[in-house]
Amino acid sequence: MTTIILKGWRYGVFIGTVVGAIGLTMYPIFVHPLLHIDDYKKHQAYTREGVNQEAIQPGGNVATESCFIMYHE
């Protein structure tokens, strides 16, 4: 079995394909939400209707507050 060595334009096409695939993967995750903030805020408000956030995640938890206090002193 021979080893394929990418040189010249084939190396460029390979790198371009990898970068393009990463870009296509990241677009719906990072770029689209940043460009359409209002749509996501409306959807979040709709899904949180009738949810009492204090009952799900109550404030005043000493264990989590102590982590943040030590960085603000």
PDB file of N, CA and C in Angstrom:
ATOM      1  N   MET A   1       0.846  -1.176   0.000  1.00  0.00           N
ATOM      2  CA  MET A   1       0.000   0.000   0.000  1.00  0.00           C
ATOM      3  C   MET A   1       0.891   1.238   0.000  1.00  0.00           C
ATOM      4  N   THR A   2       0.615   2.156  -0.882  1.00  0.00           N
ATOM      5  CA  THR A   2       1.433   3.356  -0.985  1.00  0.00           C
ATOM      6  C   THR A   2       0.819   4.491  -0.178  1.00  0.00           C
ATOM      7  N   THR A   3       1.674   5.348   0.315  1.00  0.00           N
ATOM      8  CA  THR A   3       1.246   6.507   1.081  1.00  0.00           C
ATOM      9  C   THR A   3       1.017   7.678   0.129  1.00  0.00           C
ATOM     10  N   ILE A   4      -0.109   8.344   0.269  1.00  0.00           N
ATOM     11  CA  ILE A   4      -0.421   9.500  -0.572  1.00  0.00           C
ATOM     12  C   ILE A   4       0.139  10.748   0.104  1.00  0.00           C
ATOM     13  N   ILE A   5       1.007  11.446  -0.605  1.00  0.00           N
ATOM     14  CA  ILE A   5       1.592  12.673  -0.087  1.00  0.00           C
ATOM     15  C   ILE A   5       0.949  13.846  -0.813  1.00  0.00           C
ATOM     16  N   LEU A   6       0.367  14.747  -0.056  1.00  0.00           N
ATOM     17  CA  LEU A   6      -0.300  15.911  -0.645  1.00  0.00           C
ATOM     18  C   LEU A   6       0.717  17.032  -0.841  1.00  0.00           C
ATOM     19  N   LYS A   7       0.897  17.429  -2.082  1.00  0.00           N
ATOM     20  CA  LYS A   7       1.810  18.527  -2.406  1.00  0.00           C
ATOM     21  C   LYS A   7       1.122  19.475  -3.361  1.00  0.00           C
ATOM     22  N   GLY A   8       1.524  20.717  -3.299  1.00  0.00           N
ATOM     23  CA  GLY A   8       1.032  21.713  -4.248  1.00  0.00           C
ATOM     24  C   GLY A   8      -0.444  22.006  -4.095  1.00  0.00           C
ATOM     25  N   TRP A   9      -1.158  22.015  -5.219  1.00  0.00           N
ATOM     26  CA  TRP A   9      -2.560  22.399  -5.222  1.00  0.00           C
ATOM     27  C   TRP A   9      -3.429  21.400  -4.478  1.00  0.00           C
ATOM     28  N   ARG A  10      -3.023  20.142  -4.438  1.00  0.00           N
ATOM     29  CA  ARG A  10      -3.822  19.136  -3.713  1.00  0.00           C
ATOM     30  C   ARG A  10      -3.812  19.417  -2.209  1.00  0.00           C
ATOM     31  N   TYR A  11      -2.667  19.859  -1.703  1.00  0.00           N
ATOM     32  CA  TYR A  11      -2.582  20.232  -0.290  1.00  0.00           C
ATOM     33  C   TYR A  11      -3.491  21.433  -0.011  1.00  0.00           C
ATOM     34  N   GLY A  12      -3.485  22.408  -0.914  1.00  0.00           N
ATOM     35  CA  GLY A  12      -4.343  23.582  -0.759  1.00  0.00           C
ATOM     36  C   GLY A  12      -5.814  23.227  -0.785  1.00  0.00           C
ATOM     37  N   VAL A  13      -6.193  22.314  -1.680  1.00  0.00           N
ATOM     38  CA  VAL A  13      -7.591  21.874  -1.745  1.00  0.00           C
ATOM     39  C   VAL A  13      -7.977  21.130  -0.472  1.00  0.00           C
ATOM     40  N   PHE A  14      -7.073  20.306   0.033  1.00  0.00           N
ATOM     41  CA  PHE A  14      -7.346  19.571   1.271  1.00  0.00           C
ATOM     42  C   PHE A  14      -7.546  20.533   2.446  1.00  0.00           C
ATOM     43  N   ILE A  15      -6.647  21.491   2.611  1.00  0.00           N
ATOM     44  CA  ILE A  15      -6.757  22.460   3.707  1.00  0.00           C
ATOM     45  C   ILE A  15      -8.015  23.307   3.530  1.00  0.00           C
ATOM     46  N   GLY A  16      -8.303  23.713   2.305  1.00  0.00           N
ATOM     47  CA  GLY A  16      -9.516  24.496   2.042  1.00  0.00           C
ATOM     48  C   GLY A  16     -10.781  23.722   2.378  1.00  0.00           C
ATOM     49  N   THR A  17     -10.778  22.433   2.099  1.00  0.00           N
ATOM     50  CA  THR A  17     -11.934  21.596   2.420  1.00  0.00           C
ATOM     51  C   THR A  17     -12.120  21.480   3.921  1.00  0.00           C
ATOM     52  N   VAL A  18     -11.027  21.291   4.644  1.00  0.00           N
ATOM     53  CA  VAL A  18     -11.113  21.184   6.109  1.00  0.00           C
ATOM     54  C   VAL A  18     -11.613  22.494   6.712  1.00  0.00           C
ATOM     55  N   VAL A  19     -11.054  23.610   6.286  1.00  0.00           N
ATOM     56  CA  VAL A  19     -11.482  24.917   6.807  1.00  0.00           C
ATOM     57  C   VAL A  19     -12.935  25.195   6.432  1.00  0.00           C
ATOM     58  N   GLY A  20     -13.331  24.849   5.216  1.00  0.00           N
ATOM     59  CA  GLY A  20     -14.715  25.035   4.795  1.00  0.00           C
ATOM     60  C   GLY A  20     -15.692  24.198   5.603  1.00  0.00           C
ATOM     61  N   ALA A  21     -15.307  22.954   5.891  1.00  0.00           N
ATOM     62  CA  ALA A  21     -16.173  22.082   6.693  1.00  0.00           C
ATOM     63  C   ALA A  21     -16.340  22.625   8.107  1.00  0.00           C
ATOM     64  N   ILE A  22     -15.255  23.127   8.669  1.00  0.00           N
ATOM     65  CA  ILE A  22     -15.337  23.712  10.014  1.00  0.00           C
ATOM     66  C   ILE A  22     -16.212  24.969   9.977  1.00  0.00           C
ATOM     67  N   GLY A  23     -16.054  25.785   8.950  1.00  0.00           N
ATOM     68  CA  GLY A  23     -16.869  26.994   8.813  1.00  0.00           C
ATOM     69  C   GLY A  23     -18.348  26.677   8.663  1.00  0.00           C
ATOM     70  N   LEU A  24     -18.670  25.669   7.847  1.00  0.00           N
ATOM     71  CA  LEU A  24     -20.071  25.281   7.675  1.00  0.00           C
ATOM     72  C   LEU A  24     -20.665  24.731   8.965  1.00  0.00           C
ATOM     73  N   THR A  25     -19.844  24.080   9.763  1.00  0.00           N
ATOM     74  CA  THR A  25     -20.316  23.549  11.039  1.00  0.00           C
ATOM     75  C   THR A  25     -20.549  24.662  12.053  1.00  0.00           C
ATOM     76  N   MET A  26     -19.691  25.656  12.073  1.00  0.00           N
ATOM     77  CA  MET A  26     -19.775  26.723  13.069  1.00  0.00           C
ATOM     78  C   MET A  26     -20.839  27.774  12.756  1.00  0.00           C
ATOM     79  N   TYR A  27     -21.227  27.924  11.500  1.00  0.00           N
ATOM     80  CA  TYR A  27     -22.181  28.971  11.146  1.00  0.00           C
ATOM     81  C   TYR A  27     -23.496  28.868  11.916  1.00  0.00           C
ATOM     82  N   PRO A  28     -24.186  27.708  11.918  1.00  0.00           N
ATOM     83  CA  PRO A  28     -25.461  27.676  12.636  1.00  0.00           C
ATOM     84  C   PRO A  28     -25.301  27.724  14.155  1.00  0.00           C
ATOM     85  N   ILE A  29     -24.112  27.437  14.646  1.00  0.00           N
ATOM     86  CA  ILE A  29     -23.897  27.424  16.093  1.00  0.00           C
ATOM     87  C   ILE A  29     -23.548  28.821  16.615  1.00  0.00           C
ATOM     88  N   PHE A  30     -22.691  29.548  15.917  1.00  0.00           N
ATOM     89  CA  PHE A  30     -22.193  30.826  16.420  1.00  0.00           C
ATOM     90  C   PHE A  30     -22.655  32.037  15.614  1.00  0.00           C
ATOM     91  N   VAL A  31     -22.549  31.992  14.316  1.00  0.00           N
ATOM     92  CA  VAL A  31     -22.779  33.188  13.499  1.00  0.00           C
ATOM     93  C   VAL A  31     -24.264  33.527  13.397  1.00  0.00           C
ATOM     94  N   HIS A  32     -25.104  32.569  13.090  1.00  0.00           N
ATOM     95  CA  HIS A  32     -26.534  32.831  12.913  1.00  0.00           C
ATOM     96  C   HIS A  32     -27.179  33.413  14.177  1.00  0.00           C
ATOM     97  N   PRO A  33     -26.936  32.860  15.366  1.00  0.00           N
ATOM     98  CA  PRO A  33     -27.530  33.479  16.564  1.00  0.00           C
ATOM     99  C   PRO A  33     -27.037  34.904  16.810  1.00  0.00           C
ATOM    100  N   LEU A  34     -25.785  35.202  16.475  1.00  0.00           N
ATOM    101  CA  LEU A  34     -25.283  36.555  16.680  1.00  0.00           C
ATOM    102  C   LEU A  34     -25.911  37.548  15.707  1.00  0.00           C
ATOM    103  N   LEU A  35     -26.269  37.097  14.527  1.00  0.00           N
ATOM    104  CA  LEU A  35     -26.878  37.981  13.542  1.00  0.00           C
ATOM    105  C   LEU A  35     -28.387  38.126  13.726  1.00  0.00           C
ATOM    106  N   HIS A  36     -29.019  37.201  14.429  1.00  0.00           N
ATOM    107  CA  HIS A  36     -30.476  37.206  14.609  1.00  0.00           C
ATOM    108  C   HIS A  36     -30.830  37.130  16.097  1.00  0.00           C
ATOM    109  N   ILE A  37     -30.342  38.070  16.880  1.00  0.00           N
ATOM    110  CA  ILE A  37     -30.527  38.062  18.330  1.00  0.00           C
ATOM    111  C   ILE A  37     -32.002  38.193  18.702  1.00  0.00           C
ATOM    112  N   ASP A  38     -32.736  39.055  18.020  1.00  0.00           N
ATOM    113  CA  ASP A  38     -34.140  39.282  18.370  1.00  0.00           C
ATOM    114  C   ASP A  38     -34.986  38.024  18.214  1.00  0.00           C
ATOM    115  N   ASP A  39     -34.725  37.238  17.182  1.00  0.00           N
ATOM    116  CA  ASP A  39     -35.476  35.992  16.990  1.00  0.00           C
ATOM    117  C   ASP A  39     -35.267  35.036  18.164  1.00  0.00           C
ATOM    118  N   TYR A  40     -34.029  34.931  18.613  1.00  0.00           N
ATOM    119  CA  TYR A  40     -33.730  34.025  19.717  1.00  0.00           C
ATOM    120  C   TYR A  40     -34.304  34.542  21.038  1.00  0.00           C
ATOM    121  N   LYS A  41     -34.307  35.867  21.241  1.00  0.00           N
ATOM    122  CA  LYS A  41     -34.909  36.426  22.452  1.00  0.00           C
ATOM    123  C   LYS A  41     -36.413  36.178  22.492  1.00  0.00           C
ATOM    124  N   LYS A  42     -37.084  36.310  21.341  1.00  0.00           N
ATOM    125  CA  LYS A  42     -38.525  36.036  21.276  1.00  0.00           C
ATOM    126  C   LYS A  42     -38.809  34.567  21.575  1.00  0.00           C
ATOM    127  N   HIS A  43     -38.016  33.686  21.011  1.00  0.00           N
ATOM    128  CA  HIS A  43     -38.209  32.253  21.242  1.00  0.00           C
ATOM    129  C   HIS A  43     -37.966  31.901  22.704  1.00  0.00           C
ATOM    130  N   GLN A  44     -36.947  32.507  23.315  1.00  0.00           N
ATOM    131  CA  GLN A  44     -36.654  32.246  24.715  1.00  0.00           C
ATOM    132  C   GLN A  44     -37.778  32.756  25.610  1.00  0.00           C
ATOM    133  N   ALA A  45     -38.317  33.923  25.316  1.00  0.00           N
ATOM    134  CA  ALA A  45     -39.425  34.459  26.105  1.00  0.00           C
ATOM    135  C   ALA A  45     -40.653  33.559  25.976  1.00  0.00           C
ATOM    136  N   TYR A  46     -40.907  33.045  24.775  1.00  0.00           N
ATOM    137  CA  TYR A  46     -42.054  32.160  24.556  1.00  0.00           C
ATOM    138  C   TYR A  46     -41.898  30.848  25.329  1.00  0.00           C
ATOM    139  N   THR A  47     -40.712  30.278  25.318  1.00  0.00           N
ATOM    140  CA  THR A  47     -40.519  28.989  25.998  1.00  0.00           C
ATOM    141  C   THR A  47     -40.469  29.126  27.513  1.00  0.00           C
ATOM    142  N   ARG A  48     -40.185  30.328  28.017  1.00  0.00           N
ATOM    143  CA  ARG A  48     -40.119  30.522  29.471  1.00  0.00           C
ATOM    144  C   ARG A  48     -41.413  31.055  30.071  1.00  0.00           C
ATOM    145  N   GLU A  49     -42.464  31.167  29.266  1.00  0.00           N
ATOM    146  CA  GLU A  49     -43.747  31.645  29.793  1.00  0.00           C
ATOM    147  C   GLU A  49     -44.260  30.662  30.833  1.00  0.00           C
ATOM    148  N   GLY A  50     -44.670  31.175  31.981  1.00  0.00           N
ATOM    149  CA  GLY A  50     -45.249  30.347  33.033  1.00  0.00           C
ATOM    150  C   GLY A  50     -44.234  29.564  33.846  1.00  0.00           C
ATOM    151  N   VAL A  51     -42.948  29.811  33.659  1.00  0.00           N
ATOM    152  CA  VAL A  51     -41.916  29.100  34.404  1.00  0.00           C
ATOM    153  C   VAL A  51     -41.431  29.998  35.530  1.00  0.00           C
ATOM    154  N   ASN A  52     -41.506  29.502  36.747  1.00  0.00           N
ATOM    155  CA  ASN A  52     -41.000  30.239  37.900  1.00  0.00           C
ATOM    156  C   ASN A  52     -39.536  29.856  38.076  1.00  0.00           C
ATOM    157  N   GLN A  53     -38.639  30.710  37.620  1.00  0.00           N
ATOM    158  CA  GLN A  53     -37.213  30.396  37.638  1.00  0.00           C
ATOM    159  C   GLN A  53     -36.679  30.275  39.064  1.00  0.00           C
ATOM    160  N   GLU A  54     -37.236  31.019  40.010  1.00  0.00           N
ATOM    161  CA  GLU A  54     -36.808  30.944  41.405  1.00  0.00           C
ATOM    162  C   GLU A  54     -37.099  29.563  41.993  1.00  0.00           C
ATOM    163  N   ALA A  55     -38.192  28.928  41.570  1.00  0.00           N
ATOM    164  CA  ALA A  55     -38.527  27.595  42.083  1.00  0.00           C
ATOM    165  C   ALA A  55     -37.610  26.522  41.499  1.00  0.00           C
ATOM    166  N   ILE A  56     -37.156  26.732  40.279  1.00  0.00           N
ATOM    167  CA  ILE A  56     -36.283  25.748  39.639  1.00  0.00           C
ATOM    168  C   ILE A  56     -34.848  25.907  40.118  1.00  0.00           C
ATOM    169  N   GLN A  57     -34.368  27.137  40.176  1.00  0.00           N
ATOM    170  CA  GLN A  57     -32.991  27.412  40.572  1.00  0.00           C
ATOM    171  C   GLN A  57     -33.007  28.531  41.602  1.00  0.00           C
ATOM    172  N   PRO A  58     -33.226  28.183  42.873  1.00  0.00           N
ATOM    173  CA  PRO A  58     -33.337  29.217  43.894  1.00  0.00           C
ATOM    174  C   PRO A  58     -32.010  29.938  44.135  1.00  0.00           C
ATOM    175  N   GLY A  59     -32.106  31.207  44.436  1.00  0.00           N
ATOM    176  CA  GLY A  59     -30.914  31.982  44.763  1.00  0.00           C
ATOM    177  C   GLY A  59     -30.536  31.792  46.225  1.00  0.00           C
ATOM    178  N   GLY A  60     -29.431  32.373  46.619  1.00  0.00           N
ATOM    179  CA  GLY A  60     -29.000  32.292  48.008  1.00  0.00           C
ATOM    180  C   GLY A  60     -28.274  31.010  48.360  1.00  0.00           C
ATOM    181  N   ASN A  61     -27.805  30.265  47.368  1.00  0.00           N
ATOM    182  CA  ASN A  61     -27.070  29.040  47.629  1.00  0.00           C
ATOM    183  C   ASN A  61     -25.652  29.418  48.042  1.00  0.00           C
ATOM    184  N   VAL A  62     -25.260  29.064  49.264  1.00  0.00           N
ATOM    185  CA  VAL A  62     -23.968  29.465  49.816  1.00  0.00           C
ATOM    186  C   VAL A  62     -22.824  28.824  49.034  1.00  0.00           C
ATOM    187  N   ALA A  63     -22.990  27.606  48.579  1.00  0.00           N
ATOM    188  CA  ALA A  63     -21.906  26.912  47.881  1.00  0.00           C
ATOM    189  C   ALA A  63     -21.539  27.605  46.577  1.00  0.00           C
ATOM    190  N   THR A  64     -22.524  28.050  45.824  1.00  0.00           N
ATOM    191  CA  THR A  64     -22.203  28.703  44.554  1.00  0.00           C
ATOM    192  C   THR A  64     -21.836  30.167  44.748  1.00  0.00           C
ATOM    193  N   GLU A  65     -22.393  30.817  45.748  1.00  0.00           N
ATOM    194  CA  GLU A  65     -22.059  32.222  45.971  1.00  0.00           C
ATOM    195  C   GLU A  65     -20.632  32.388  46.469  1.00  0.00           C
ATOM    196  N   SER A  66     -20.120  31.449  47.244  1.00  0.00           N
ATOM    197  CA  SER A  66     -18.770  31.588  47.769  1.00  0.00           C
ATOM    198  C   SER A  66     -17.726  31.536  46.646  1.00  0.00           C
ATOM    199  N   CYS A  67     -18.016  30.823  45.576  1.00  0.00           N
ATOM    200  CA  CYS A  67     -17.082  30.764  44.438  1.00  0.00           C
ATOM    201  C   CYS A  67     -16.926  32.132  43.796  1.00  0.00           C
ATOM    202  N   PHE A  68     -18.021  32.872  43.688  1.00  0.00           N
ATOM    203  CA  PHE A  68     -17.963  34.170  43.038  1.00  0.00           C
ATOM    204  C   PHE A  68     -17.466  35.260  43.970  1.00  0.00           C
ATOM    205  N   ILE A  69     -17.699  35.117  45.253  1.00  0.00           N
ATOM    206  CA  ILE A  69     -17.271  36.128  46.218  1.00  0.00           C
ATOM    207  C   ILE A  69     -15.753  36.198  46.280  1.00  0.00           C
ATOM    208  N   MET A  70     -15.064  35.058  46.241  1.00  0.00           N
ATOM    209  CA  MET A  70     -13.615  35.078  46.385  1.00  0.00           C
ATOM    210  C   MET A  70     -12.938  35.776  45.216  1.00  0.00           C
ATOM    211  N   TYR A  71     -13.586  35.827  44.035  1.00  0.00           N
ATOM    212  CA  TYR A  71     -12.981  36.516  42.901  1.00  0.00           C
ATOM    213  C   TYR A  71     -13.271  38.009  42.909  1.00  0.00           C
ATOM    214  N   HIS A  72     -14.250  38.469  43.687  1.00  0.00           N
ATOM    215  CA  HIS A  72     -14.609  39.879  43.702  1.00  0.00           C
ATOM    216  C   HIS A  72     -14.003  40.631  44.866  1.00  0.00           C
ATOM    217  N   GLU A  73     -13.258  39.977  45.711  1.00  0.00           N
ATOM    218  CA  GLU A  73     -12.666  40.649  46.882  1.00  0.00           C
ATOM    219  C   GLU A  73     -11.388  41.348  46.533  1.00  0.00           C
TER     220      GLU A  73
END
